[in-house]
Each structure stands twice: as C-alpha cells, then as structure tokens.
Protein backbone atom coordinates (compact mmCIF):
# COMPACT_ATOMS: atom_id res chain seq x y z
CA MET A 1 140.65 5.92 74.83
CA ALA A 2 140.02 2.59 73.21
CA ASP A 3 138.63 1.97 69.75
CA ARG A 4 135.01 2.93 69.37
CA THR A 5 132.10 0.67 68.54
CA THR A 6 129.68 2.30 66.08
CA SER A 7 126.29 1.23 64.74
CA SER A 8 123.29 2.93 63.12
CA ILE A 9 119.55 2.38 62.85
CA THR A 10 116.71 4.22 61.08
CA VAL A 11 113.86 5.37 63.31
CA ASP A 12 110.44 6.36 61.95
CA ALA A 13 110.30 9.77 63.66
CA ASP A 14 111.81 13.22 63.31
CA ARG A 15 115.03 14.21 65.08
CA ALA A 16 113.19 16.14 67.82
CA GLY A 17 111.11 13.07 68.69
CA VAL A 18 114.19 10.85 68.85
CA MET A 19 116.15 13.38 70.92
CA ALA A 20 113.25 13.74 73.38
CA VAL A 21 113.49 10.01 74.14
CA ILE A 22 117.30 10.17 74.41
CA ALA A 23 117.01 13.04 76.93
CA ASP A 24 114.41 11.21 79.08
CA PHE A 25 116.97 9.45 81.28
CA PRO A 26 114.60 8.29 84.06
CA ALA A 27 112.83 6.15 81.41
CA TYR A 28 116.04 4.37 80.31
CA PRO A 29 115.40 1.27 82.45
CA ASP A 30 112.21 0.77 80.39
CA TRP A 31 114.03 0.51 77.06
CA ALA A 32 117.83 0.45 77.48
CA GLY A 33 118.26 -3.14 78.63
CA GLN A 34 121.47 -2.82 80.64
CA VAL A 35 120.53 0.42 82.42
CA LYS A 36 118.97 -0.39 85.77
CA ASN A 37 118.71 3.24 86.97
CA ALA A 38 119.44 6.70 85.53
CA GLU A 39 119.23 9.70 87.84
CA ILE A 40 119.55 13.27 86.53
CA LEU A 41 121.87 15.16 88.88
CA THR A 42 122.06 18.54 87.09
CA SER A 43 120.41 20.20 84.10
CA GLY A 44 121.50 23.07 81.87
CA ALA A 45 119.74 26.36 81.18
CA ASP A 46 117.97 24.67 78.24
CA GLY A 47 116.48 22.09 80.62
CA ARG A 48 118.43 19.19 79.18
CA PRO A 49 120.41 17.00 81.58
CA GLU A 50 124.09 17.86 82.09
CA THR A 51 125.10 15.13 84.53
CA VAL A 52 123.42 11.76 85.01
CA ARG A 53 124.30 8.91 87.40
CA PHE A 54 123.83 5.44 85.93
CA VAL A 55 123.58 1.97 87.38
CA LEU A 56 124.58 -0.45 84.61
CA ASP A 57 124.40 -4.24 84.50
CA ALA A 58 125.71 -5.48 81.15
CA GLY A 59 126.83 -8.94 82.26
CA VAL A 60 130.61 -8.69 82.42
CA ILE A 61 130.36 -4.91 82.98
CA SER A 62 128.32 -3.89 86.04
CA ASP A 63 128.91 -0.51 87.66
CA THR A 64 127.65 2.86 88.90
CA TYR A 65 129.15 5.99 87.29
CA THR A 66 128.26 9.56 86.31
CA LEU A 67 128.30 10.97 82.79
CA GLY A 68 128.47 14.58 81.64
CA TYR A 69 126.46 15.50 78.51
CA THR A 70 126.94 18.05 75.73
CA TRP A 71 123.88 18.72 73.57
CA HIS A 72 123.89 20.14 70.03
CA ASP A 73 120.22 20.99 69.41
CA ASP A 74 118.53 17.92 67.90
CA GLU A 75 121.59 16.98 65.84
CA SER A 76 123.76 15.20 68.39
CA VAL A 77 124.59 14.57 72.01
CA SER A 78 127.90 13.38 73.39
CA TRP A 79 128.97 12.20 76.82
CA ARG A 80 132.00 11.39 78.90
CA VAL A 81 132.63 10.03 82.38
CA VAL A 82 132.80 12.78 85.00
CA GLU A 83 132.78 10.34 87.94
CA PRO A 84 134.17 6.88 87.18
CA GLY A 85 132.85 3.73 88.73
CA LYS A 86 134.68 0.77 90.21
CA MET A 87 134.94 -1.00 86.82
CA ILE A 88 134.42 1.77 84.28
CA SER A 89 137.35 4.18 84.24
CA GLU A 90 136.39 5.94 81.02
CA LEU A 91 133.30 5.89 78.86
CA ALA A 92 132.68 8.23 75.95
CA GLY A 93 130.01 8.16 73.33
CA SER A 94 127.54 10.00 71.19
CA TYR A 95 124.27 9.84 69.32
CA LEU A 96 124.33 11.56 65.92
CA LEU A 97 120.92 12.17 64.32
CA ALA A 98 120.49 12.74 60.58
CA SER A 99 117.18 13.32 58.83
CA ALA A 100 116.32 10.67 56.25
CA GLY A 101 113.01 11.27 54.51
CA SER A 102 110.31 11.16 57.20
CA GLY A 103 112.65 9.33 59.58
CA THR A 104 115.96 9.74 61.34
CA VAL A 105 119.18 7.77 61.04
CA VAL A 106 120.63 7.42 64.54
CA THR A 107 124.32 6.58 64.83
CA TYR A 108 125.57 5.48 68.26
CA GLU A 109 129.28 5.53 68.98
CA LEU A 110 130.73 4.14 72.22
CA ALA A 111 134.15 3.52 73.75
CA VAL A 112 134.69 2.03 77.20
CA ASP A 113 137.87 1.63 79.23
CA LEU A 114 137.82 -0.57 82.30
CA THR A 115 139.89 -0.58 85.49
CA VAL A 116 140.08 -4.37 85.34
CA PRO A 117 142.01 -6.13 82.57
CA MET A 118 139.73 -7.66 79.98
CA ILE A 119 140.53 -9.32 76.68
CA GLY A 120 139.86 -6.82 73.90
CA LEU A 121 137.54 -9.17 72.04
CA ILE A 122 135.32 -9.62 75.11
CA LYS A 123 135.26 -5.87 75.81
CA ARG A 124 134.34 -5.06 72.18
CA LYS A 125 131.59 -7.69 72.29
CA ALA A 126 130.19 -6.08 75.46
CA GLU A 127 130.32 -2.65 73.78
CA LYS A 128 128.53 -4.05 70.72
CA VAL A 129 125.80 -5.59 72.88
CA ILE A 130 125.32 -2.26 74.69
CA VAL A 131 125.18 -0.29 71.40
CA ASP A 132 122.89 -2.71 69.56
CA THR A 133 120.51 -3.12 72.50
CA ALA A 134 120.34 0.65 73.00
CA LEU A 135 119.60 1.34 69.32
CA LYS A 136 116.91 -1.33 69.07
CA GLY A 137 115.38 -0.18 72.36
CA LEU A 138 115.49 3.48 71.28
CA LYS A 139 113.76 2.64 67.96
CA LYS A 140 111.03 0.64 69.72
CA ARG A 141 110.51 3.35 72.37
CA VAL A 142 110.34 6.24 69.86
CA GLU A 143 108.09 4.44 67.39
CA GLY A 144 105.82 3.17 70.19
CA ARG A 145 105.04 6.68 71.45
C-alpha cells in the first residue's frame, strides 16, 4: 500500500454526533464533494454499515468500488476495498475521533493505489483533495445539524 495522506480538523460536536454523520452513507453526496453515490450493501448486528458501494468522481480518479468497514464504537472506523473498481485497485483509510473539550478532533487517513500508472505527486495531490474536502464537508455537515 502506498504512503498515506493524513489530515485533522476540530468539529464542534461530540464523537457520537460526528460518527453518526460518518455512518450516514446515503447522505455523502450532500457533503463529500467527490462522492456521487453511496449505497449500503450490508450492515452489521449493530446496525452500522459493513459494505458500501461508492461512485466517486475526483477529477483524475473516477470509479465505482465497494469498501468494507470496521467500526470501533465512536472512537474510529476503518475501511478497505473489498471489490476494486476499474481505476482503484486498493483504497484504505480511517477516521479517528478524539474528544477535545466540547468538540472532537477528527483525523482522516487515506491511501489509494490505482490500476493505471500515475505520477506520485499527482496521486498524492488527489488524495489530499479527497481528504481535505471530506474533512471540511464533515465539519460543515455535523455543525449544521
């Protein structure tokens, strides 16, 4: 797996409130800019999604793929490709939530491997755009509730 892109943001809400937005995949097109569709395929006994099919359009990276999720209460969630797309051969990431006063520090980590050759600098820039857009969108969505 390639190097990971990591970034953090502080959200004015508790961890449960942030995690509720993260777990609401059908709403992703409303706040996660590059996600055009997110369909929950299976859910676990706790009701949280286990597999989700995404349609992504992030400029140079456009694809449809399925991710498998592992939830750790309201502390973190991680994911990995369970069904690759035509461009995305591997994608792994996580959200780590840490309480900070009345808010939550959200750290997003992402690594993407593609089936097509791409200059590392361009791929890292695409990852950074995905991460930064997701964090800003998550903050706006959580705080706007």
